N, C-alpha and C. Protein backbone atom coordinates (compact mmCIF):
# COMPACT_ATOMS: atom_id res chain seq x y z
N UNK A 1 271.66 11.49 3.35
CA UNK A 1 271.36 12.50 4.31
C UNK A 1 271.72 12.12 5.77
N UNK A 2 271.40 10.91 6.07
CA UNK A 2 271.67 10.36 7.43
C UNK A 2 273.12 10.50 7.68
N UNK A 3 274.03 10.22 6.69
CA UNK A 3 275.48 10.10 6.81
C UNK A 3 275.93 11.57 7.17
N UNK A 4 275.31 12.70 6.48
CA UNK A 4 275.80 14.01 6.76
C UNK A 4 275.55 14.35 8.29
N UNK A 5 274.36 13.97 8.62
CA UNK A 5 273.79 14.46 10.01
C UNK A 5 274.74 13.73 10.97
N UNK A 6 275.06 12.35 10.68
CA UNK A 6 275.84 11.56 11.52
C UNK A 6 277.34 12.03 11.50
N UNK A 7 277.79 12.54 10.47
CA UNK A 7 279.18 13.03 10.36
C UNK A 7 279.30 14.34 11.17
N UNK A 8 278.20 15.20 11.07
CA UNK A 8 278.11 16.61 11.69
C UNK A 8 278.12 16.32 13.20
N UNK A 9 277.34 15.28 13.58
CA UNK A 9 277.23 15.22 15.07
C UNK A 9 278.24 14.12 15.57
N UNK A 10 279.18 13.68 14.81
CA UNK A 10 280.15 12.75 15.23
C UNK A 10 280.96 13.28 16.30
N UNK A 11 281.27 14.57 16.28
CA UNK A 11 282.09 15.24 17.27
C UNK A 11 281.40 15.61 18.63
N UNK A 12 280.09 15.38 18.54
CA UNK A 12 279.31 15.59 19.89
C UNK A 12 279.29 14.33 20.55
N UNK A 13 279.30 14.65 22.00
CA UNK A 13 279.24 13.42 22.88
C UNK A 13 277.92 13.25 23.17
N UNK A 14 277.43 12.06 23.21
CA UNK A 14 276.12 11.62 23.68
C UNK A 14 276.23 10.33 24.62
N UNK A 15 275.43 10.32 25.64
CA UNK A 15 275.51 9.18 26.46
C UNK A 15 275.35 7.90 25.76
N UNK A 16 276.04 6.94 26.18
CA UNK A 16 275.89 5.47 25.46
C UNK A 16 274.96 4.75 26.18
N UNK A 17 274.20 3.95 25.39
CA UNK A 17 273.00 3.19 26.07
C UNK A 17 273.70 2.16 27.04
N UNK A 18 272.94 1.71 28.01
CA UNK A 18 273.52 0.75 28.94
C UNK A 18 273.48 -0.69 28.49
N UNK A 19 272.51 -1.12 27.73
CA UNK A 19 272.55 -2.33 27.02
C UNK A 19 272.14 -2.25 25.65
N UNK A 20 272.49 -3.20 24.82
CA UNK A 20 272.19 -3.14 23.48
C UNK A 20 270.73 -3.17 22.91
N UNK A 21 269.96 -3.89 23.85
CA UNK A 21 268.57 -3.99 23.60
C UNK A 21 267.83 -2.64 23.81
N UNK A 22 268.24 -1.91 24.93
CA UNK A 22 267.51 -0.68 25.13
C UNK A 22 268.11 0.40 24.26
N UNK A 23 269.35 0.39 23.71
CA UNK A 23 269.84 1.29 22.82
C UNK A 23 269.22 1.26 21.45
N UNK A 24 268.57 0.30 21.11
CA UNK A 24 268.05 0.08 19.64
C UNK A 24 268.89 -0.23 18.66
N UNK A 25 270.18 -0.48 19.03
CA UNK A 25 271.18 -0.77 17.89
C UNK A 25 272.09 -1.72 18.55
N UNK A 26 273.10 -2.14 17.86
CA UNK A 26 274.23 -2.93 18.27
C UNK A 26 275.42 -1.91 18.58
N UNK A 27 276.13 -2.14 19.71
CA UNK A 27 277.37 -1.53 19.86
C UNK A 27 278.36 -1.86 19.01
N UNK A 28 279.19 -0.95 18.74
CA UNK A 28 280.46 -1.40 17.80
C UNK A 28 281.48 -2.00 18.71
N UNK A 29 282.37 -2.66 18.18
CA UNK A 29 283.44 -3.37 18.96
C UNK A 29 283.96 -2.60 19.96
N UNK A 30 284.29 -1.18 19.75
CA UNK A 30 284.96 -0.47 20.86
C UNK A 30 283.94 0.25 21.81
N UNK A 31 282.51 -0.24 21.74
CA UNK A 31 281.65 0.24 22.79
C UNK A 31 281.06 1.54 22.34
N UNK A 32 281.26 2.26 21.23
CA UNK A 32 280.71 3.52 20.84
C UNK A 32 279.34 3.32 20.33
N UNK A 33 278.44 4.45 20.60
CA UNK A 33 277.09 4.47 19.99
C UNK A 33 277.15 4.49 18.54
N UNK A 34 276.15 3.66 17.94
CA UNK A 34 276.04 3.61 16.49
C UNK A 34 275.71 4.92 15.96
N UNK A 35 276.09 5.34 14.71
CA UNK A 35 275.90 6.62 14.04
C UNK A 35 274.43 6.87 14.02
N UNK A 36 273.59 6.00 13.80
CA UNK A 36 272.07 6.33 13.73
C UNK A 36 271.53 6.82 14.98
N UNK A 37 271.91 6.21 16.13
CA UNK A 37 271.48 6.56 17.41
C UNK A 37 271.98 7.85 17.86
N UNK A 38 273.39 8.13 17.44
CA UNK A 38 273.96 9.45 17.72
C UNK A 38 273.27 10.50 16.94
N UNK A 39 272.99 10.33 15.80
CA UNK A 39 272.24 11.42 15.07
C UNK A 39 270.91 11.69 15.59
N UNK A 40 270.10 10.66 16.08
CA UNK A 40 268.89 10.91 16.74
C UNK A 40 269.14 11.69 18.04
N UNK A 41 270.03 11.35 18.83
CA UNK A 41 270.28 11.99 20.02
C UNK A 41 270.62 13.47 19.67
N UNK A 42 271.42 13.66 18.76
CA UNK A 42 271.70 15.08 18.44
C UNK A 42 270.56 15.94 17.98
N UNK A 43 269.73 15.31 17.21
CA UNK A 43 268.48 16.05 16.69
C UNK A 43 267.59 16.25 17.86
N UNK A 44 267.42 15.36 18.91
CA UNK A 44 266.59 15.65 20.06
C UNK A 44 267.27 16.84 20.69
N UNK A 45 268.52 16.79 21.05
CA UNK A 45 269.21 17.87 21.67
C UNK A 45 268.94 19.26 21.22
N UNK A 46 269.13 19.22 19.75
CA UNK A 46 268.86 20.43 19.02
C UNK A 46 267.44 20.98 19.19
N UNK A 47 266.46 20.11 19.19
CA UNK A 47 264.95 20.43 19.19
C UNK A 47 264.77 21.02 20.74
N UNK A 48 265.36 20.32 21.70
CA UNK A 48 265.30 20.75 23.12
C UNK A 48 265.87 22.16 23.20
N UNK A 49 267.09 22.53 22.54
CA UNK A 49 267.73 23.69 22.86
C UNK A 49 266.95 24.84 22.06
N UNK A 50 266.18 24.52 20.98
CA UNK A 50 265.24 25.43 20.14
C UNK A 50 264.14 25.78 20.99
N UNK A 51 263.49 24.78 21.73
CA UNK A 51 262.48 24.96 22.68
C UNK A 51 262.72 25.90 23.65
N UNK A 52 263.89 25.68 24.26
CA UNK A 52 264.34 26.55 25.38
C UNK A 52 264.40 28.06 24.95
N UNK A 53 265.31 28.12 23.65
CA UNK A 53 265.43 29.59 23.14
C UNK A 53 264.04 30.15 23.02
N UNK A 54 263.09 29.38 22.37
CA UNK A 54 261.83 30.02 22.27
C UNK A 54 261.14 30.52 23.48
N UNK A 55 261.20 29.62 24.51
CA UNK A 55 260.57 29.92 25.93
C UNK A 55 261.08 31.22 26.40
N UNK A 56 262.63 31.28 26.37
CA UNK A 56 263.32 32.39 26.89
C UNK A 56 262.78 33.71 26.10
N UNK A 57 262.75 33.57 24.79
CA UNK A 57 262.29 34.60 23.97
C UNK A 57 260.77 35.21 24.36
N UNK A 58 259.88 34.04 24.65
CA UNK A 58 258.56 34.44 24.95
C UNK A 58 258.56 35.18 26.49
N UNK A 59 259.29 34.67 27.28
CA UNK A 59 259.42 35.16 28.73
C UNK A 59 259.89 36.67 28.49
N UNK A 60 260.87 37.01 27.76
CA UNK A 60 261.31 38.47 27.47
C UNK A 60 260.12 39.18 26.92
N UNK A 61 259.56 38.70 25.95
CA UNK A 61 258.44 39.43 25.28
C UNK A 61 257.42 39.73 26.29
N UNK A 62 256.90 38.77 27.21
CA UNK A 62 255.96 39.03 28.15
C UNK A 62 256.42 40.08 29.12
N UNK A 63 257.69 39.99 29.56
CA UNK A 63 258.13 41.11 30.53
C UNK A 63 258.14 42.43 29.92
N UNK A 64 258.64 42.58 28.68
CA UNK A 64 258.56 43.82 28.00
C UNK A 64 257.08 44.33 27.76
N UNK A 65 256.13 43.31 27.44
CA UNK A 65 254.79 43.81 27.35
C UNK A 65 254.29 44.40 28.61
N UNK A 66 254.48 43.68 29.77
CA UNK A 66 254.13 44.13 30.97
C UNK A 66 254.64 45.56 31.30
N UNK A 67 255.85 45.66 31.03
CA UNK A 67 256.57 47.03 31.34
C UNK A 67 255.86 48.07 30.45
N UNK A 68 255.65 47.89 29.08
CA UNK A 68 254.84 48.73 28.35
C UNK A 68 253.44 49.02 28.87
N UNK A 69 252.87 47.97 29.18
CA UNK A 69 251.42 48.30 29.68
C UNK A 69 251.30 48.91 31.03
N UNK A 70 252.32 48.85 31.89
CA UNK A 70 252.30 49.55 33.12
C UNK A 70 252.75 50.94 33.06
N UNK A 71 253.17 51.47 31.94
CA UNK A 71 253.62 52.85 31.75
C UNK A 71 252.32 53.65 31.90
N UNK A 72 252.41 54.87 32.76
CA UNK A 72 251.25 55.66 32.95
C UNK A 72 250.68 56.16 31.48
N UNK A 73 251.47 56.54 30.78
CA UNK A 73 250.89 57.20 29.35
C UNK A 73 250.08 56.02 28.57
N UNK A 74 250.68 54.99 28.68
CA UNK A 74 249.73 53.76 28.02
C UNK A 74 248.62 53.51 28.66
N UNK A 75 248.65 53.49 30.09
CA UNK A 75 247.41 53.24 30.87
C UNK A 75 246.47 54.34 30.60
N UNK A 76 246.89 55.61 30.57
CA UNK A 76 245.85 56.73 30.38
C UNK A 76 245.24 56.50 28.77
N UNK A 77 246.13 56.19 27.89
CA UNK A 77 245.54 55.85 26.58
C UNK A 77 244.53 54.89 26.58
N UNK A 78 244.79 53.77 27.19
CA UNK A 78 243.88 52.53 27.13
C UNK A 78 242.53 52.92 28.03
N UNK A 79 242.65 53.77 29.04
CA UNK A 79 241.62 54.25 29.79
C UNK A 79 240.54 55.14 28.82
N UNK A 80 241.31 56.01 28.08
CA UNK A 80 240.59 56.95 27.12
C UNK A 80 239.88 56.14 26.13
N UNK A 81 240.62 55.14 25.60
CA UNK A 81 240.01 54.24 24.48
C UNK A 81 238.69 53.44 25.12
N UNK A 82 238.90 52.98 26.30
CA UNK A 82 237.75 52.34 26.89
C UNK A 82 236.49 53.19 27.22
N UNK A 83 236.81 54.45 27.55
CA UNK A 83 235.69 55.45 27.79
C UNK A 83 235.06 55.80 26.51
N UNK A 84 235.83 55.98 25.43
CA UNK A 84 235.37 56.32 24.13
C UNK A 84 234.44 54.93 23.63
N UNK A 85 234.88 53.93 23.87
CA UNK A 85 234.01 52.60 23.39
C UNK A 85 232.67 52.63 24.30
N UNK A 86 232.77 52.81 25.53
CA UNK A 86 231.70 52.82 26.39
C UNK A 86 230.61 53.91 25.94
N UNK A 87 231.15 55.14 25.55
CA UNK A 87 230.16 56.15 25.14
C UNK A 87 229.57 55.73 23.86
N UNK A 88 230.32 55.08 22.97
CA UNK A 88 229.61 54.72 21.71
C UNK A 88 228.68 53.68 21.97
N UNK A 89 228.98 52.73 22.75
CA UNK A 89 228.07 51.63 23.03
C UNK A 89 226.80 52.20 23.71
N UNK A 90 226.93 53.08 24.69
CA UNK A 90 225.77 53.73 25.32
C UNK A 90 224.95 54.54 24.21
N UNK A 91 225.57 55.24 23.22
CA UNK A 91 224.91 56.01 22.24
C UNK A 91 224.03 54.91 21.26
N UNK A 92 224.62 53.80 21.07
CA UNK A 92 223.88 52.79 20.12
C UNK A 92 222.67 52.33 20.98
N UNK A 93 222.83 52.01 22.30
CA UNK A 93 221.61 51.70 23.08
C UNK A 93 220.55 52.91 23.24
N UNK A 94 221.10 53.99 23.27
CA UNK A 94 220.17 55.08 23.35
C UNK A 94 219.34 55.26 22.12
N UNK A 95 220.02 55.05 20.91
CA UNK A 95 219.21 55.03 19.69
C UNK A 95 218.19 54.13 19.55
N UNK A 96 218.27 53.08 20.22
CA UNK A 96 217.26 51.88 20.20
C UNK A 96 216.25 52.09 21.38
N UNK A 97 216.79 52.78 22.38
CA UNK A 97 215.95 52.96 23.73
C UNK A 97 216.18 54.25 24.15
N UNK A 98 215.56 55.29 23.58
CA UNK A 98 215.65 56.86 24.03
C UNK A 98 215.37 56.92 25.50
N UNK A 99 214.66 56.17 26.06
CA UNK A 99 214.35 56.35 27.60
C UNK A 99 215.46 56.04 28.46
N UNK A 100 216.46 55.50 27.98
CA UNK A 100 217.71 55.04 28.85
C UNK A 100 218.42 56.41 29.33
N UNK A 101 218.62 56.45 30.59
CA UNK A 101 219.18 57.76 31.18
C UNK A 101 220.62 57.61 31.56
N UNK A 102 221.16 56.31 31.57
CA UNK A 102 222.46 56.05 32.10
C UNK A 102 223.50 56.78 31.33
N UNK A 103 224.56 57.24 32.04
CA UNK A 103 225.63 58.05 31.30
C UNK A 103 227.00 57.06 31.50
N UNK A 104 226.94 56.11 32.17
CA UNK A 104 228.07 55.19 32.44
C UNK A 104 227.70 53.78 32.42
N UNK A 105 228.50 52.85 31.93
CA UNK A 105 227.96 51.40 32.00
C UNK A 105 227.42 50.99 33.40
N UNK A 106 228.17 51.34 34.38
CA UNK A 106 227.94 50.89 35.82
C UNK A 106 226.45 51.42 36.03
N UNK A 107 225.85 52.56 35.52
CA UNK A 107 224.60 52.94 35.78
C UNK A 107 223.69 52.08 35.16
N UNK A 108 223.89 51.45 34.02
CA UNK A 108 223.05 50.55 33.37
C UNK A 108 222.75 49.31 34.24
N UNK A 109 223.90 48.61 34.68
CA UNK A 109 223.85 47.49 35.55
C UNK A 109 224.90 46.50 35.40
N UNK A 110 224.86 45.63 36.42
CA UNK A 110 225.91 44.60 36.50
C UNK A 110 226.02 43.71 35.29
N UNK A 111 224.79 43.18 34.94
CA UNK A 111 224.66 42.24 33.84
C UNK A 111 225.20 42.82 32.49
N UNK A 112 224.98 44.10 32.34
CA UNK A 112 225.49 44.77 31.08
C UNK A 112 226.87 44.88 31.10
N UNK A 113 227.46 45.22 32.15
CA UNK A 113 229.00 45.38 32.23
C UNK A 113 229.62 44.10 32.08
N UNK A 114 229.11 42.90 32.72
CA UNK A 114 229.84 41.66 32.43
C UNK A 114 229.71 41.21 31.02
N UNK A 115 228.57 41.51 30.45
CA UNK A 115 228.45 41.03 29.03
C UNK A 115 229.30 41.91 28.13
N UNK A 116 229.23 43.16 28.40
CA UNK A 116 230.22 43.98 27.50
C UNK A 116 231.65 43.57 27.64
N UNK A 117 232.02 43.35 28.89
CA UNK A 117 233.52 43.01 29.26
C UNK A 117 233.85 41.80 28.51
N UNK A 118 232.88 40.92 28.06
CA UNK A 118 233.33 39.64 27.38
C UNK A 118 233.79 40.05 25.97
N UNK A 119 233.17 41.23 25.53
CA UNK A 119 233.73 41.65 24.20
C UNK A 119 233.06 40.99 22.96
N UNK A 120 232.03 40.15 23.29
CA UNK A 120 231.37 39.33 22.24
C UNK A 120 229.93 39.54 22.15
N UNK A 121 229.38 40.60 22.92
CA UNK A 121 227.98 40.90 22.93
C UNK A 121 227.65 42.35 22.35
N UNK A 122 226.62 42.36 21.63
CA UNK A 122 226.31 43.70 21.12
C UNK A 122 225.64 44.49 22.38
N UNK A 123 225.99 45.77 22.31
CA UNK A 123 225.37 46.56 23.51
C UNK A 123 223.99 46.62 23.58
N UNK A 124 223.23 46.52 22.57
CA UNK A 124 221.67 46.58 22.62
C UNK A 124 221.29 45.24 23.33
N UNK A 125 221.90 44.12 22.82
CA UNK A 125 221.45 42.81 23.39
C UNK A 125 221.85 42.85 24.82
N UNK A 126 223.08 43.39 25.21
CA UNK A 126 223.42 43.43 26.60
C UNK A 126 222.43 44.25 27.47
N UNK A 127 221.95 45.35 26.84
CA UNK A 127 221.01 46.22 27.54
C UNK A 127 219.71 45.52 27.76
N UNK A 128 219.23 44.95 26.77
CA UNK A 128 218.11 43.95 26.72
C UNK A 128 218.09 42.97 27.89
N UNK A 129 219.24 42.29 28.02
CA UNK A 129 219.47 41.36 29.00
C UNK A 129 219.55 41.94 30.52
N UNK A 130 220.10 43.22 30.61
CA UNK A 130 219.99 43.90 31.82
C UNK A 130 218.54 44.24 32.19
N UNK A 131 217.75 44.68 31.19
CA UNK A 131 216.41 44.94 31.44
C UNK A 131 215.62 43.84 31.90
N UNK A 132 215.78 42.55 31.32
CA UNK A 132 215.18 41.41 31.63
C UNK A 132 215.63 40.90 32.99
N UNK A 133 216.95 41.07 33.30
CA UNK A 133 217.27 40.74 34.66
C UNK A 133 216.75 41.61 35.71
N UNK A 134 216.62 42.94 35.41
CA UNK A 134 215.97 43.82 36.38
C UNK A 134 214.53 43.55 36.56
N UNK A 135 213.81 43.09 35.47
CA UNK A 135 212.47 42.81 35.64
C UNK A 135 212.19 41.54 36.46
N UNK A 136 213.19 40.62 36.34
CA UNK A 136 213.15 39.37 37.21
C UNK A 136 213.31 39.75 38.66
N UNK A 137 214.23 40.54 38.88
CA UNK A 137 214.51 40.88 40.26
C UNK A 137 213.49 41.84 40.91
N UNK A 138 212.96 42.69 40.22
CA UNK A 138 211.89 43.78 40.54
C UNK A 138 210.54 43.56 39.83
N UNK A 139 209.93 42.52 39.86
CA UNK A 139 208.61 42.46 39.06
C UNK A 139 207.61 43.59 39.46
N UNK A 140 206.82 44.01 38.45
CA UNK A 140 205.88 45.06 38.64
C UNK A 140 204.78 44.24 39.22
N UNK A 141 204.13 44.75 40.34
CA UNK A 141 202.88 44.01 41.05
C UNK A 141 201.70 44.05 39.88
N UNK A 142 200.95 43.06 39.87
CA UNK A 142 199.96 42.97 38.76
C UNK A 142 198.90 44.05 38.99
N UNK A 143 198.61 44.41 40.16
CA UNK A 143 197.55 45.43 40.40
C UNK A 143 197.93 46.99 40.11
N UNK A 144 199.26 47.22 39.93
CA UNK A 144 199.77 48.41 39.61
C UNK A 144 199.88 48.75 38.11
N UNK A 145 199.52 49.97 37.69
CA UNK A 145 199.35 50.38 36.40
C UNK A 145 200.39 51.42 36.23
N UNK A 146 201.24 51.35 35.16
CA UNK A 146 202.21 52.43 34.88
C UNK A 146 201.52 53.79 34.70
N UNK A 147 202.08 54.95 35.19
CA UNK A 147 201.24 56.15 35.10
C UNK A 147 201.37 56.55 33.61
N UNK A 148 202.41 56.10 32.87
CA UNK A 148 202.51 56.56 31.46
C UNK A 148 201.56 55.90 30.60
N UNK A 149 201.37 54.51 30.85
CA UNK A 149 200.35 53.68 30.13
C UNK A 149 198.91 54.12 30.29
N UNK A 150 198.73 54.58 31.50
CA UNK A 150 197.32 55.08 31.77
C UNK A 150 197.06 56.50 31.58
N UNK A 151 197.92 57.06 30.91
CA UNK A 151 197.80 58.48 30.41
C UNK A 151 198.00 59.56 31.43
N UNK A 152 198.67 59.08 32.47
CA UNK A 152 198.96 60.02 33.61
C UNK A 152 198.08 59.86 34.77
N UNK A 153 196.96 59.22 34.44
CA UNK A 153 195.86 59.13 35.42
C UNK A 153 195.98 58.09 36.58
N UNK A 154 196.99 57.22 36.50
CA UNK A 154 197.13 56.13 37.32
C UNK A 154 197.41 56.69 38.76
N UNK A 155 197.01 55.95 39.73
CA UNK A 155 197.20 56.38 41.05
C UNK A 155 198.58 55.99 41.77
N UNK A 156 199.19 55.08 40.94
CA UNK A 156 200.63 54.65 41.49
C UNK A 156 201.67 54.56 40.49
N UNK A 157 203.01 54.88 40.78
CA UNK A 157 204.12 54.63 39.97
C UNK A 157 204.73 53.26 40.14
N UNK A 158 205.25 52.78 39.09
CA UNK A 158 205.98 51.39 39.23
C UNK A 158 207.27 51.86 39.85
N UNK A 159 208.18 50.78 40.25
CA UNK A 159 209.45 50.98 40.83
C UNK A 159 210.36 51.63 40.04
N UNK A 160 210.30 51.24 38.71
CA UNK A 160 211.10 51.88 37.60
C UNK A 160 210.83 53.42 37.42
N UNK A 161 209.62 53.70 37.37
CA UNK A 161 209.09 55.06 37.29
C UNK A 161 209.53 55.87 38.40
N UNK A 162 209.49 55.32 39.70
CA UNK A 162 209.88 56.01 40.82
C UNK A 162 211.45 56.24 40.83
N UNK A 163 212.30 55.40 40.17
CA UNK A 163 213.53 55.47 40.09
C UNK A 163 214.02 56.75 39.23
N UNK A 164 213.11 56.87 38.20
CA UNK A 164 213.36 58.05 37.10
C UNK A 164 212.84 59.28 37.67
N UNK A 165 212.20 59.45 38.57
CA UNK A 165 211.80 60.76 39.13
C UNK A 165 213.01 61.53 39.63
N UNK A 166 212.96 62.91 39.20
CA UNK A 166 214.03 63.75 39.56
C UNK A 166 213.56 64.64 40.82
N UNK A 167 214.53 65.28 41.26
CA UNK A 167 214.18 66.08 42.46
C UNK A 167 213.14 67.28 41.94
N UNK A 168 213.34 67.76 40.77
CA UNK A 168 212.39 68.66 40.34
C UNK A 168 211.08 68.10 40.16
N UNK A 169 210.79 66.91 39.55
CA UNK A 169 209.52 66.22 39.69
C UNK A 169 208.99 66.03 41.07
N UNK A 170 209.80 65.75 42.02
CA UNK A 170 209.28 65.72 43.42
C UNK A 170 208.82 66.90 44.10
N UNK A 171 209.20 68.09 43.52
CA UNK A 171 208.65 69.34 44.15
C UNK A 171 207.26 69.56 43.69
N UNK A 172 206.83 68.91 42.74
CA UNK A 172 205.32 68.93 42.51
C UNK A 172 204.45 68.27 43.55
N UNK A 173 203.66 68.77 44.29
CA UNK A 173 202.92 68.13 45.44
C UNK A 173 202.13 67.08 44.82
N UNK A 174 201.50 66.99 43.71
CA UNK A 174 200.85 65.95 43.17
C UNK A 174 201.55 64.84 42.90
N UNK A 175 202.80 65.03 42.27
CA UNK A 175 203.66 63.77 42.00
C UNK A 175 204.30 63.22 43.22
N UNK A 176 204.64 64.02 44.24
CA UNK A 176 205.23 63.69 45.43
C UNK A 176 204.28 62.80 46.18
N UNK A 177 203.00 63.30 46.17
CA UNK A 177 201.95 62.45 47.05
C UNK A 177 201.74 61.10 46.29
N UNK A 178 201.72 61.06 45.01
CA UNK A 178 201.57 59.83 44.27
C UNK A 178 202.78 58.94 44.49
N UNK A 179 204.14 59.55 44.43
CA UNK A 179 205.26 58.77 44.63
C UNK A 179 205.29 58.10 46.17
N UNK A 180 204.74 58.92 47.05
CA UNK A 180 204.85 58.29 48.51
C UNK A 180 203.83 57.20 48.64
N UNK A 181 202.65 57.43 47.91
CA UNK A 181 201.73 56.26 48.05
C UNK A 181 202.25 55.10 47.17
N UNK A 182 202.84 55.36 46.23
CA UNK A 182 203.43 54.32 45.47
C UNK A 182 204.35 53.44 46.24
N UNK A 183 205.40 54.29 46.95
CA UNK A 183 206.24 53.66 47.78
C UNK A 183 205.64 52.64 49.00
N UNK A 184 204.73 53.28 49.57
CA UNK A 184 203.87 52.53 50.65
C UNK A 184 203.32 51.22 49.96
N UNK A 185 202.67 51.39 48.75
CA UNK A 185 202.18 50.16 48.19
C UNK A 185 203.26 49.11 47.93
N UNK A 186 204.43 49.52 47.40
CA UNK A 186 205.38 48.71 46.98
C UNK A 186 206.03 47.91 48.21
N UNK A 187 206.03 48.59 49.31
CA UNK A 187 206.61 47.88 50.46
C UNK A 187 205.71 46.77 51.07
N UNK A 188 204.46 46.96 50.84
CA UNK A 188 203.38 46.16 51.36
C UNK A 188 203.37 44.75 50.63
């Protein structure tokens, strides 16, 4: 087999080694490279050419992929797919936590968005991580009691309950008064 490779590459020119010790073989009487070394050189050259072809092919593929992804219809389709996936994720969270009012991932929070962007986290787990992060950032003061847990008879709202109050809720004078007292207490 070495003879056929050597014969096939015999017509190819390869640089001659400078001295016989570095060339790995002995020079022929006429100073030509030994057939074994010539076949190794040819094999290395062919491997280098193959790598260069592969790199050129992958560069073309990357350029085509970028052109396809930058097309307006493709971008619109990708946006639609992302929005559909976001809606499905939020619906899964709503099934587990019916009190969630967010309509878009940004409404849930930054931690939720970053975890979901990784593509490796379940939406419910990401939501629970967001709730835990919110709790660490805005702890409920110990002397305050949730109005829901006290059967509506509590004197103050927590910060999360204040955030959930709508304009219609605030039109009720009793709720408005309790909300203002809660805000004053939270600031102190």
